[in-house]
Amino acid sequence: MFTLMLSLALSAPAQDKKPVSFEKDVMPILTKSCISCHKPDNKKGKLDMSTYESLMKGGDQGSPVKAGDAKKSILIEVVSGKEPEMPEKGDPLTPAQIDVLSRWIMEGAKKN
């Protein structure tokens, strides 16, 4: 299912959607679903997701984001699928939230 969603998201004409903003679109998702376990004073997997810089720096597995390639980004891998690994606590991300993260990565994972 994730592959289908990602394929649909990547095949949609770029002019149909405005670029994804890290601050306006991505950060609210991370704040709601990730930061409780991945913040400066509680870096699970040594990953702090509370700022753009700390997210891109990564943790034990390196950077969870491979700019321009959502399929090879650990972030997308762990929040997708029938039984996503993350978030460990709380509800899984919705397909729309995963689409936002995927689009942001495919657009170059910029701080904008």
PDB file of N, CA and C in Angstrom:
ATOM      1  N   MET A   1       0.821  -1.187   0.000  1.00  0.00           N
ATOM      2  CA  MET A   1       0.000   0.000   0.000  1.00  0.00           C
ATOM      3  C   MET A   1       0.869   1.257   0.000  1.00  0.00           C
ATOM      4  N   PHE A   2       1.944   1.248   0.822  1.00  0.00           N
ATOM      5  CA  PHE A   2       2.824   2.416   0.867  1.00  0.00           C
ATOM      6  C   PHE A   2       3.404   2.705  -0.506  1.00  0.00           C
ATOM      7  N   THR A   3       3.843   1.677  -1.204  1.00  0.00           N
ATOM      8  CA  THR A   3       4.430   1.882  -2.527  1.00  0.00           C
ATOM      9  C   THR A   3       3.426   2.521  -3.461  1.00  0.00           C
ATOM     10  N   LEU A   4       2.173   2.093  -3.411  1.00  0.00           N
ATOM     11  CA  LEU A   4       1.131   2.684  -4.240  1.00  0.00           C
ATOM     12  C   LEU A   4       0.923   4.144  -3.876  1.00  0.00           C
ATOM     13  N   MET A   5       0.834   4.441  -2.569  1.00  0.00           N
ATOM     14  CA  MET A   5       0.644   5.826  -2.128  1.00  0.00           C
ATOM     15  C   MET A   5       1.810   6.695  -2.574  1.00  0.00           C
ATOM     16  N   LEU A   6       3.024   6.176  -2.400  1.00  0.00           N
ATOM     17  CA  LEU A   6       4.194   6.953  -2.772  1.00  0.00           C
ATOM     18  C   LEU A   6       4.238   7.157  -4.275  1.00  0.00           C
ATOM     19  N   SER A   7       3.897   6.132  -5.036  1.00  0.00           N
ATOM     20  CA  SER A   7       3.875   6.260  -6.491  1.00  0.00           C
ATOM     21  C   SER A   7       2.858   7.301  -6.929  1.00  0.00           C
ATOM     22  N   LEU A   8       1.690   7.285  -6.317  1.00  0.00           N
ATOM     23  CA  LEU A   8       0.669   8.275  -6.657  1.00  0.00           C
ATOM     24  C   LEU A   8       1.131   9.673  -6.287  1.00  0.00           C
ATOM     25  N   ALA A   9       1.747   9.802  -5.136  1.00  0.00           N
ATOM     26  CA  ALA A   9       2.214  11.120  -4.696  1.00  0.00           C
ATOM     27  C   ALA A   9       3.305  11.641  -5.614  1.00  0.00           C
ATOM     28  N   LEU A  10       4.185  10.745  -6.053  1.00  0.00           N
ATOM     29  CA  LEU A  10       5.304  11.176  -6.881  1.00  0.00           C
ATOM     30  C   LEU A  10       4.893  11.423  -8.318  1.00  0.00           C
ATOM     31  N   SER A  11       3.788  10.832  -8.751  1.00  0.00           N
ATOM     32  CA  SER A  11       3.371  11.005 -10.139  1.00  0.00           C
ATOM     33  C   SER A  11       2.416  12.179 -10.333  1.00  0.00           C
ATOM     34  N   ALA A  12       1.926  12.751  -9.232  1.00  0.00           N
ATOM     35  CA  ALA A  12       1.013  13.890  -9.341  1.00  0.00           C
ATOM     36  C   ALA A  12       1.758  15.077  -9.942  1.00  0.00           C
ATOM     37  N   PRO A  13       1.140  15.792 -10.854  1.00  0.00           N
ATOM     38  CA  PRO A  13       1.799  16.947 -11.453  1.00  0.00           C
ATOM     39  C   PRO A  13       2.226  17.967 -10.396  1.00  0.00           C
ATOM     40  N   ALA A  14       3.453  18.429 -10.503  1.00  0.00           N
ATOM     41  CA  ALA A  14       4.010  19.342  -9.511  1.00  0.00           C
ATOM     42  C   ALA A  14       3.208  20.635  -9.419  1.00  0.00           C
ATOM     43  N   GLN A  15       2.645  21.095 -10.534  1.00  0.00           N
ATOM     44  CA  GLN A  15       1.924  22.360 -10.515  1.00  0.00           C
ATOM     45  C   GLN A  15       0.606  22.270  -9.745  1.00  0.00           C
ATOM     46  N   ASP A  16       0.138  21.065  -9.449  1.00  0.00           N
ATOM     47  CA  ASP A  16      -1.114  20.912  -8.712  1.00  0.00           C
ATOM     48  C   ASP A  16      -0.970  21.253  -7.233  1.00  0.00           C
ATOM     49  N   LYS A  17       0.256  21.216  -6.701  1.00  0.00           N
ATOM     50  CA  LYS A  17       0.458  21.428  -5.281  1.00  0.00           C
ATOM     51  C   LYS A  17       1.598  22.416  -5.071  1.00  0.00           C
ATOM     52  N   LYS A  18       1.430  23.278  -4.067  1.00  0.00           N
ATOM     53  CA  LYS A  18       2.512  24.198  -3.742  1.00  0.00           C
ATOM     54  C   LYS A  18       3.610  23.417  -3.021  1.00  0.00           C
ATOM     55  N   PRO A  19       4.833  23.935  -3.046  1.00  0.00           N
ATOM     56  CA  PRO A  19       5.938  23.239  -2.369  1.00  0.00           C
ATOM     57  C   PRO A  19       5.637  23.054  -0.881  1.00  0.00           C
ATOM     58  N   VAL A  20       6.126  21.975  -0.342  1.00  0.00           N
ATOM     59  CA  VAL A  20       5.941  21.675   1.076  1.00  0.00           C
ATOM     60  C   VAL A  20       6.915  22.521   1.887  1.00  0.00           C
ATOM     61  N   SER A  21       6.413  23.125   2.934  1.00  0.00           N
ATOM     62  CA  SER A  21       7.226  23.933   3.834  1.00  0.00           C
ATOM     63  C   SER A  21       7.595  23.102   5.063  1.00  0.00           C
ATOM     64  N   PHE A  22       8.873  23.103   5.409  1.00  0.00           N
ATOM     65  CA  PHE A  22       9.286  22.375   6.607  1.00  0.00           C
ATOM     66  C   PHE A  22       8.577  22.940   7.836  1.00  0.00           C
ATOM     67  N   GLU A  23       8.639  24.257   8.003  1.00  0.00           N
ATOM     68  CA  GLU A  23       8.055  24.883   9.196  1.00  0.00           C
ATOM     69  C   GLU A  23       6.535  24.754   9.250  1.00  0.00           C
ATOM     70  N   LYS A  24       5.857  24.996   8.149  1.00  0.00           N
ATOM     71  CA  LYS A  24       4.393  25.020   8.144  1.00  0.00           C
ATOM     72  C   LYS A  24       3.754  23.643   7.984  1.00  0.00           C
ATOM     73  N   ASP A  25       4.392  22.747   7.248  1.00  0.00           N
ATOM     74  CA  ASP A  25       3.766  21.464   6.919  1.00  0.00           C
ATOM     75  C   ASP A  25       4.399  20.259   7.622  1.00  0.00           C
ATOM     76  N   VAL A  26       5.727  20.207   7.640  1.00  0.00           N
ATOM     77  CA  VAL A  26       6.426  19.047   8.194  1.00  0.00           C
ATOM     78  C   VAL A  26       6.536  19.123   9.717  1.00  0.00           C
ATOM     79  N   MET A  27       6.969  20.267  10.228  1.00  0.00           N
ATOM     80  CA  MET A  27       7.191  20.395  11.677  1.00  0.00           C
ATOM     81  C   MET A  27       5.947  20.082  12.513  1.00  0.00           C
ATOM     82  N   PRO A  28       4.747  20.491  12.104  1.00  0.00           N
ATOM     83  CA  PRO A  28       3.565  20.103  12.904  1.00  0.00           C
ATOM     84  C   PRO A  28       3.370  18.579  12.999  1.00  0.00           C
ATOM     85  N   ILE A  29       3.701  17.863  11.948  1.00  0.00           N
ATOM     86  CA  ILE A  29       3.589  16.393  11.978  1.00  0.00           C
ATOM     87  C   ILE A  29       4.617  15.833  12.957  1.00  0.00           C
ATOM     88  N   LEU A  30       5.851  16.312  12.855  1.00  0.00           N
ATOM     89  CA  LEU A  30       6.901  15.837  13.754  1.00  0.00           C
ATOM     90  C   LEU A  30       6.583  16.181  15.201  1.00  0.00           C
ATOM     91  N   THR A  31       6.070  17.380  15.428  1.00  0.00           N
ATOM     92  CA  THR A  31       5.725  17.809  16.786  1.00  0.00           C
ATOM     93  C   THR A  31       4.650  16.914  17.388  1.00  0.00           C
ATOM     94  N   LYS A  32       3.638  16.603  16.605  1.00  0.00           N
ATOM     95  CA  LYS A  32       2.522  15.793  17.103  1.00  0.00           C
ATOM     96  C   LYS A  32       2.907  14.330  17.320  1.00  0.00           C
ATOM     97  N   SER A  33       3.724  13.780  16.433  1.00  0.00           N
ATOM     98  CA  SER A  33       3.921  12.334  16.434  1.00  0.00           C
ATOM     99  C   SER A  33       5.319  11.841  16.781  1.00  0.00           C
ATOM    100  N   CYS A  34       6.325  12.708  16.766  1.00  0.00           N
ATOM    101  CA  CYS A  34       7.700  12.213  16.894  1.00  0.00           C
ATOM    102  C   CYS A  34       8.502  12.815  18.045  1.00  0.00           C
ATOM    103  N   ILE A  35       8.294  14.088  18.301  1.00  0.00           N
ATOM    104  CA  ILE A  35       9.189  14.809  19.192  1.00  0.00           C
ATOM    105  C   ILE A  35       9.108  14.346  20.651  1.00  0.00           C
ATOM    106  N   SER A  36       8.033  13.741  21.072  1.00  0.00           N
ATOM    107  CA  SER A  36       7.970  13.297  22.468  1.00  0.00           C
ATOM    108  C   SER A  36       9.068  12.271  22.773  1.00  0.00           C
ATOM    109  N   CYS A  37       9.508  11.519  21.781  1.00  0.00           N
ATOM    110  CA  CYS A  37      10.574  10.527  21.975  1.00  0.00           C
ATOM    111  C   CYS A  37      11.899  10.947  21.335  1.00  0.00           C
ATOM    112  N   HIS A  38      11.862  11.960  20.494  1.00  0.00           N
ATOM    113  CA  HIS A  38      13.066  12.379  19.760  1.00  0.00           C
ATOM    114  C   HIS A  38      13.293  13.878  19.941  1.00  0.00           C
ATOM    115  N   LYS A  39      13.744  14.250  21.148  1.00  0.00           N
ATOM    116  CA  LYS A  39      13.989  15.651  21.486  1.00  0.00           C
ATOM    117  C   LYS A  39      15.314  15.733  22.240  1.00  0.00           C
ATOM    118  N   PRO A  40      15.830  16.933  22.459  1.00  0.00           N
ATOM    119  CA  PRO A  40      17.159  17.057  23.066  1.00  0.00           C
ATOM    120  C   PRO A  40      17.355  16.290  24.367  1.00  0.00           C
ATOM    121  N   ASP A  41      16.364  16.283  25.248  1.00  0.00           N
ATOM    122  CA  ASP A  41      16.541  15.600  26.533  1.00  0.00           C
ATOM    123  C   ASP A  41      16.047  14.158  26.535  1.00  0.00           C
ATOM    124  N   ASN A  42      15.647  13.646  25.383  1.00  0.00           N
ATOM    125  CA  ASN A  42      15.174  12.260  25.273  1.00  0.00           C
ATOM    126  C   ASN A  42      15.400  11.793  23.839  1.00  0.00           C
ATOM    127  N   LYS A  43      16.648  11.645  23.449  1.00  0.00           N
ATOM    128  CA  LYS A  43      16.966  11.312  22.061  1.00  0.00           C
ATOM    129  C   LYS A  43      16.958   9.801  21.854  1.00  0.00           C
ATOM    130  N   LYS A  44      15.783   9.253  21.636  1.00  0.00           N
ATOM    131  CA  LYS A  44      15.692   7.825  21.345  1.00  0.00           C
ATOM    132  C   LYS A  44      16.460   7.559  20.053  1.00  0.00           C
ATOM    133  N   GLY A  45      17.343   6.594  20.075  1.00  0.00           N
ATOM    134  CA  GLY A  45      18.174   6.312  18.915  1.00  0.00           C
ATOM    135  C   GLY A  45      19.130   7.462  18.610  1.00  0.00           C
ATOM    136  N   LYS A  46      19.389   8.287  19.614  1.00  0.00           N
ATOM    137  CA  LYS A  46      20.242   9.479  19.499  1.00  0.00           C
ATOM    138  C   LYS A  46      19.741  10.434  18.417  1.00  0.00           C
ATOM    139  N   LEU A  47      18.435  10.398  18.157  1.00  0.00           N
ATOM    140  CA  LEU A  47      17.829  11.245  17.129  1.00  0.00           C
ATOM    141  C   LEU A  47      16.974  12.330  17.762  1.00  0.00           C
ATOM    142  N   ASP A  48      17.325  13.569  17.468  1.00  0.00           N
ATOM    143  CA  ASP A  48      16.566  14.732  17.911  1.00  0.00           C
ATOM    144  C   ASP A  48      15.844  15.288  16.679  1.00  0.00           C
ATOM    145  N   MET A  49      14.525  15.330  16.722  1.00  0.00           N
ATOM    146  CA  MET A  49      13.728  15.811  15.590  1.00  0.00           C
ATOM    147  C   MET A  49      13.086  17.166  15.883  1.00  0.00           C
ATOM    148  N   SER A  50      13.592  17.867  16.886  1.00  0.00           N
ATOM    149  CA  SER A  50      12.958  19.110  17.307  1.00  0.00           C
ATOM    150  C   SER A  50      13.326  20.310  16.439  1.00  0.00           C
ATOM    151  N   THR A  51      14.367  20.199  15.640  1.00  0.00           N
ATOM    152  CA  THR A  51      14.736  21.273  14.720  1.00  0.00           C
ATOM    153  C   THR A  51      15.136  20.657  13.382  1.00  0.00           C
ATOM    154  N   TYR A  52      15.124  21.472  12.354  1.00  0.00           N
ATOM    155  CA  TYR A  52      15.556  21.013  11.029  1.00  0.00           C
ATOM    156  C   TYR A  52      16.998  20.501  11.091  1.00  0.00           C
ATOM    157  N   GLU A  53      17.873  21.279  11.724  1.00  0.00           N
ATOM    158  CA  GLU A  53      19.283  20.923  11.776  1.00  0.00           C
ATOM    159  C   GLU A  53      19.519  19.599  12.494  1.00  0.00           C
ATOM    160  N   SER A  54      18.859  19.401  13.619  1.00  0.00           N
ATOM    161  CA  SER A  54      19.059  18.158  14.369  1.00  0.00           C
ATOM    162  C   SER A  54      18.448  16.962  13.632  1.00  0.00           C
ATOM    163  N   LEU A  55      17.325  17.158  12.964  1.00  0.00           N
ATOM    164  CA  LEU A  55      16.726  16.086  12.165  1.00  0.00           C
ATOM    165  C   LEU A  55      17.686  15.661  11.061  1.00  0.00           C
ATOM    166  N   MET A  56      18.228  16.628  10.340  1.00  0.00           N
ATOM    167  CA  MET A  56      19.108  16.311   9.216  1.00  0.00           C
ATOM    168  C   MET A  56      20.439  15.722   9.686  1.00  0.00           C
ATOM    169  N   LYS A  57      20.863  16.078  10.899  1.00  0.00           N
ATOM    170  CA  LYS A  57      22.098  15.511  11.456  1.00  0.00           C
ATOM    171  C   LYS A  57      21.917  14.005  11.669  1.00  0.00           C
ATOM    172  N   GLY A  58      20.737  13.620  12.129  1.00  0.00           N
ATOM    173  CA  GLY A  58      20.440  12.209  12.313  1.00  0.00           C
ATOM    174  C   GLY A  58      20.827  11.666  13.671  1.00  0.00           C
ATOM    175  N   GLY A  59      20.765  10.337  13.761  1.00  0.00           N
ATOM    176  CA  GLY A  59      21.053   9.650  15.014  1.00  0.00           C
ATOM    177  C   GLY A  59      21.871   8.403  14.766  1.00  0.00           C
ATOM    178  N   ASP A  60      21.561   7.343  15.478  1.00  0.00           N
ATOM    179  CA  ASP A  60      22.288   6.074  15.373  1.00  0.00           C
ATOM    180  C   ASP A  60      22.357   5.538  13.940  1.00  0.00           C
ATOM    181  N   GLN A  61      21.296   5.739  13.179  1.00  0.00           N
ATOM    182  CA  GLN A  61      21.235   5.203  11.812  1.00  0.00           C
ATOM    183  C   GLN A  61      21.584   6.253  10.766  1.00  0.00           C
ATOM    184  N   GLY A  62      22.174   7.344  11.187  1.00  0.00           N
ATOM    185  CA  GLY A  62      22.482   8.430  10.259  1.00  0.00           C
ATOM    186  C   GLY A  62      21.257   9.300  10.065  1.00  0.00           C
ATOM    187  N   SER A  63      21.266  10.093   9.007  1.00  0.00           N
ATOM    188  CA  SER A  63      20.135  10.977   8.744  1.00  0.00           C
ATOM    189  C   SER A  63      18.928  10.158   8.299  1.00  0.00           C
ATOM    190  N   PRO A  64      17.755  10.432   8.871  1.00  0.00           N
ATOM    191  CA  PRO A  64      16.559   9.697   8.467  1.00  0.00           C
ATOM    192  C   PRO A  64      15.992  10.187   7.132  1.00  0.00           C
ATOM    193  N   VAL A  65      16.617  11.212   6.565  1.00  0.00           N
ATOM    194  CA  VAL A  65      16.123  11.824   5.339  1.00  0.00           C
ATOM    195  C   VAL A  65      17.194  11.784   4.264  1.00  0.00           C
ATOM    196  N   LYS A  66      16.843  11.213   3.118  1.00  0.00           N
ATOM    197  CA  LYS A  66      17.723  11.251   1.941  1.00  0.00           C
ATOM    198  C   LYS A  66      17.052  12.201   0.954  1.00  0.00           C
ATOM    199  N   ALA A  67      17.489  13.454   0.976  1.00  0.00           N
ATOM    200  CA  ALA A  67      16.865  14.496   0.154  1.00  0.00           C
ATOM    201  C   ALA A  67      16.745  14.042  -1.297  1.00  0.00           C
ATOM    202  N   GLY A  68      15.528  14.167  -1.829  1.00  0.00           N
ATOM    203  CA  GLY A  68      15.259  13.801  -3.210  1.00  0.00           C
ATOM    204  C   GLY A  68      14.855  12.354  -3.412  1.00  0.00           C
ATOM    205  N   ASP A  69      14.908  11.538  -2.356  1.00  0.00           N
ATOM    206  CA  ASP A  69      14.597  10.114  -2.504  1.00  0.00           C
ATOM    207  C   ASP A  69      13.810   9.595  -1.300  1.00  0.00           C
ATOM    208  N   ALA A  70      12.504   9.738  -1.353  1.00  0.00           N
ATOM    209  CA  ALA A  70      11.652   9.298  -0.237  1.00  0.00           C
ATOM    210  C   ALA A  70      11.733   7.793  -0.017  1.00  0.00           C
ATOM    211  N   LYS A  71      11.881   7.030  -1.095  1.00  0.00           N
ATOM    212  CA  LYS A  71      11.928   5.570  -0.967  1.00  0.00           C
ATOM    213  C   LYS A  71      13.148   5.094  -0.189  1.00  0.00           C
ATOM    214  N   LYS A  72      14.211   5.881  -0.184  1.00  0.00           N
ATOM    215  CA  LYS A  72      15.429   5.500   0.533  1.00  0.00           C
ATOM    216  C   LYS A  72      15.590   6.265   1.838  1.00  0.00           C
ATOM    217  N   SER A  73      14.570   6.974   2.262  1.00  0.00           N
ATOM    218  CA  SER A  73      14.608   7.726   3.510  1.00  0.00           C
ATOM    219  C   SER A  73      14.050   6.890   4.647  1.00  0.00           C
ATOM    220  N   ILE A  74      14.846   6.723   5.682  1.00  0.00           N
ATOM    221  CA  ILE A  74      14.437   5.932   6.844  1.00  0.00           C
ATOM    222  C   ILE A  74      13.158   6.489   7.451  1.00  0.00           C
ATOM    223  N   LEU A  75      13.018   7.803   7.452  1.00  0.00           N
ATOM    224  CA  LEU A  75      11.819   8.430   8.024  1.00  0.00           C
ATOM    225  C   LEU A  75      10.555   7.856   7.395  1.00  0.00           C
ATOM    226  N   ILE A  76      10.514   7.776   6.082  1.00  0.00           N
ATOM    227  CA  ILE A  76       9.329   7.256   5.392  1.00  0.00           C
ATOM    228  C   ILE A  76       9.170   5.764   5.636  1.00  0.00           C
ATOM    229  N   GLU A  77      10.270   5.065   5.637  1.00  0.00           N
ATOM    230  CA  GLU A  77      10.239   3.615   5.866  1.00  0.00           C
ATOM    231  C   GLU A  77       9.612   3.266   7.213  1.00  0.00           C
ATOM    232  N   VAL A  78       9.978   3.992   8.270  1.00  0.00           N
ATOM    233  CA  VAL A  78       9.503   3.628   9.608  1.00  0.00           C
ATOM    234  C   VAL A  78       8.083   4.076   9.917  1.00  0.00           C
ATOM    235  N   VAL A  79       7.544   5.028   9.149  1.00  0.00           N
ATOM    236  CA  VAL A  79       6.169   5.481   9.413  1.00  0.00           C
ATOM    237  C   VAL A  79       5.156   4.862   8.450  1.00  0.00           C
ATOM    238  N   SER A  80       5.623   4.017   7.535  1.00  0.00           N
ATOM    239  CA  SER A  80       4.754   3.452   6.493  1.00  0.00           C
ATOM    240  C   SER A  80       4.521   1.960   6.680  1.00  0.00           C
ATOM    241  N   GLY A  81       3.632   1.445   5.868  1.00  0.00           N
ATOM    242  CA  GLY A  81       3.358   0.015   5.860  1.00  0.00           C
ATOM    243  C   GLY A  81       2.152  -0.354   6.697  1.00  0.00           C
ATOM    244  N   LYS A  82       1.834  -1.644   6.686  1.00  0.00           N
ATOM    245  CA  LYS A  82       0.670  -2.134   7.441  1.00  0.00           C
ATOM    246  C   LYS A  82       0.836  -1.917   8.938  1.00  0.00           C
ATOM    247  N   GLU A  83       2.044  -2.180   9.436  1.00  0.00           N
ATOM    248  CA  GLU A  83       2.328  -2.002  10.855  1.00  0.00           C
ATOM    249  C   GLU A  83       3.590  -1.152  10.998  1.00  0.00           C
ATOM    250  N   PRO A  84       3.435   0.172  10.908  1.00  0.00           N
ATOM    251  CA  PRO A  84       4.604   1.045  10.990  1.00  0.00           C
ATOM    252  C   PRO A  84       5.343   0.918  12.319  1.00  0.00           C
ATOM    253  N   GLU A  85       6.660   1.042  12.260  1.00  0.00           N
ATOM    254  CA  GLU A  85       7.480   0.993  13.475  1.00  0.00           C
ATOM    255  C   GLU A  85       7.296   2.245  14.328  1.00  0.00           C
ATOM    256  N   MET A  86       7.040   3.357  13.686  1.00  0.00           N
ATOM    257  CA  MET A  86       6.914   4.635  14.372  1.00  0.00           C
ATOM    258  C   MET A  86       5.621   5.328  13.953  1.00  0.00           C
ATOM    259  N   PRO A  87       5.047   6.131  14.783  1.00  0.00           N
ATOM    260  CA  PRO A  87       5.490   6.369  16.151  1.00  0.00           C
ATOM    261  C   PRO A  87       5.203   5.164  17.033  1.00  0.00           C
ATOM    262  N   GLU A  88       6.088   4.957  17.967  1.00  0.00           N
ATOM    263  CA  GLU A  88       5.937   3.824  18.879  1.00  0.00           C
ATOM    264  C   GLU A  88       4.732   4.003  19.786  1.00  0.00           C
ATOM    265  N   LYS A  89       4.490   5.259  20.180  1.00  0.00           N
ATOM    266  CA  LYS A  89       3.344   5.586  21.037  1.00  0.00           C
ATOM    267  C   LYS A  89       2.392   6.459  20.238  1.00  0.00           C
ATOM    268  N   GLY A  90       1.122   6.228  20.389  1.00  0.00           N
ATOM    269  CA  GLY A  90       0.141   7.053  19.693  1.00  0.00           C
ATOM    270  C   GLY A  90      -0.286   6.452  18.360  1.00  0.00           C
ATOM    271  N   ASP A  91      -1.097   7.206  17.656  1.00  0.00           N
ATOM    272  CA  ASP A  91      -1.655   6.736  16.392  1.00  0.00           C
ATOM    273  C   ASP A  91      -0.626   6.809  15.270  1.00  0.00           C
ATOM    274  N   PRO A  92      -0.723   5.865  14.325  1.00  0.00           N
ATOM    275  CA  PRO A  92       0.151   5.932  13.156  1.00  0.00           C
ATOM    276  C   PRO A  92      -0.146   7.192  12.345  1.00  0.00           C
ATOM    277  N   LEU A  93       0.810   7.612  11.548  1.00  0.00           N
ATOM    278  CA  LEU A  93       0.590   8.752  10.672  1.00  0.00           C
ATOM    279  C   LEU A  93      -0.464   8.392   9.634  1.00  0.00           C
ATOM    280  N   THR A  94      -1.210   9.377   9.219  1.00  0.00           N
ATOM    281  CA  THR A  94      -2.223   9.158   8.184  1.00  0.00           C
ATOM    282  C   THR A  94      -1.544   9.141   6.817  1.00  0.00           C
ATOM    283  N   PRO A  95      -2.214   8.581   5.820  1.00  0.00           N
ATOM    284  CA  PRO A  95      -1.661   8.628   4.458  1.00  0.00           C
ATOM    285  C   PRO A  95      -1.360  10.070   4.010  1.00  0.00           C
ATOM    286  N   ALA A  96      -2.198  11.019   4.405  1.00  0.00           N
ATOM    287  CA  ALA A  96      -1.965  12.414   4.037  1.00  0.00           C
ATOM    288  C   ALA A  96      -0.689  12.951   4.693  1.00  0.00           C
ATOM    289  N   GLN A  97      -0.446  12.589   5.941  1.00  0.00           N
ATOM    290  CA  GLN A  97       0.769  13.038   6.622  1.00  0.00           C
ATOM    291  C   GLN A  97       2.013  12.418   5.978  1.00  0.00           C
ATOM    292  N   ILE A  98       1.927  11.145   5.649  1.00  0.00           N
ATOM    293  CA  ILE A  98       3.046  10.474   4.975  1.00  0.00           C
ATOM    294  C   ILE A  98       3.295  11.108   3.611  1.00  0.00           C
ATOM    295  N   ASP A  99       2.229  11.487   2.929  1.00  0.00           N
ATOM    296  CA  ASP A  99       2.363  12.162   1.637  1.00  0.00           C
ATOM    297  C   ASP A  99       3.107  13.488   1.797  1.00  0.00           C
ATOM    298  N   VAL A 100       2.780  14.253   2.818  1.00  0.00           N
ATOM    299  CA  VAL A 100       3.459  15.534   3.062  1.00  0.00           C
ATOM    300  C   VAL A 100       4.951  15.293   3.287  1.00  0.00           C
ATOM    301  N   LEU A 101       5.285  14.341   4.151  1.00  0.00           N
ATOM    302  CA  LEU A 101       6.692  14.039   4.417  1.00  0.00           C
ATOM    303  C   LEU A 101       7.404  13.572   3.151  1.00  0.00           C
ATOM    304  N   SER A 102       6.767  12.703   2.395  1.00  0.00           N
ATOM    305  CA  SER A 102       7.355  12.182   1.150  1.00  0.00           C
ATOM    306  C   SER A 102       7.578  13.291   0.135  1.00  0.00           C
ATOM    307  N   ARG A 103       6.587  14.154  -0.027  1.00  0.00           N
ATOM    308  CA  ARG A 103       6.720  15.268  -0.976  1.00  0.00           C
ATOM    309  C   ARG A 103       7.842  16.202  -0.558  1.00  0.00           C
ATOM    310  N   TRP A 104       7.922  16.500   0.730  1.00  0.00           N
ATOM    311  CA  TRP A 104       8.984  17.365   1.234  1.00  0.00           C
ATOM    312  C   TRP A 104      10.358  16.776   0.902  1.00  0.00           C
ATOM    313  N   ILE A 105      10.511  15.497   1.131  1.00  0.00           N
ATOM    314  CA  ILE A 105      11.787  14.834   0.827  1.00  0.00           C
ATOM    315  C   ILE A 105      12.063  14.871  -0.664  1.00  0.00           C
ATOM    316  N   MET A 106      11.056  14.541  -1.469  1.00  0.00           N
ATOM    317  CA  MET A 106      11.244  14.539  -2.926  1.00  0.00           C
ATOM    318  C   MET A 106      11.561  15.940  -3.460  1.00  0.00           C
ATOM    319  N   GLU A 107      11.083  16.959  -2.796  1.00  0.00           N
ATOM    320  CA  GLU A 107      11.359  18.344  -3.200  1.00  0.00           C
ATOM    321  C   GLU A 107      12.739  18.824  -2.718  1.00  0.00           C
ATOM    322  N   GLY A 108      13.473  17.941  -2.082  1.00  0.00           N
ATOM    323  CA  GLY A 108      14.833  18.282  -1.659  1.00  0.00           C
ATOM    324  C   GLY A 108      15.021  18.457  -0.165  1.00  0.00           C
ATOM    325  N   ALA A 109      13.968  18.241   0.611  1.00  0.00           N
ATOM    326  CA  ALA A 109      14.048  18.334   2.075  1.00  0.00           C
ATOM    327  C   ALA A 109      14.673  19.650   2.535  1.00  0.00           C
ATOM    328  N   LYS A 110      14.159  20.724   1.998  1.00  0.00           N
ATOM    329  CA  LYS A 110      14.706  22.064   2.295  1.00  0.00           C
ATOM    330  C   LYS A 110      14.111  22.615   3.576  1.00  0.00           C
ATOM    331  N   LYS A 111      14.858  23.557   4.175  1.00  0.00           N
ATOM    332  CA  LYS A 111      14.420  24.161   5.430  1.00  0.00           C
ATOM    333  C   LYS A 111      13.329  25.198   5.226  1.00  0.00           C
ATOM    334  N   ASN A 112      13.138  25.712   4.053  1.00  0.00           N
ATOM    335  CA  ASN A 112      12.230  26.829   3.721  1.00  0.00           C
ATOM    336  C   ASN A 112      11.178  27.115   4.730  1.00  0.00           C
TER     337      ASN A 112
END
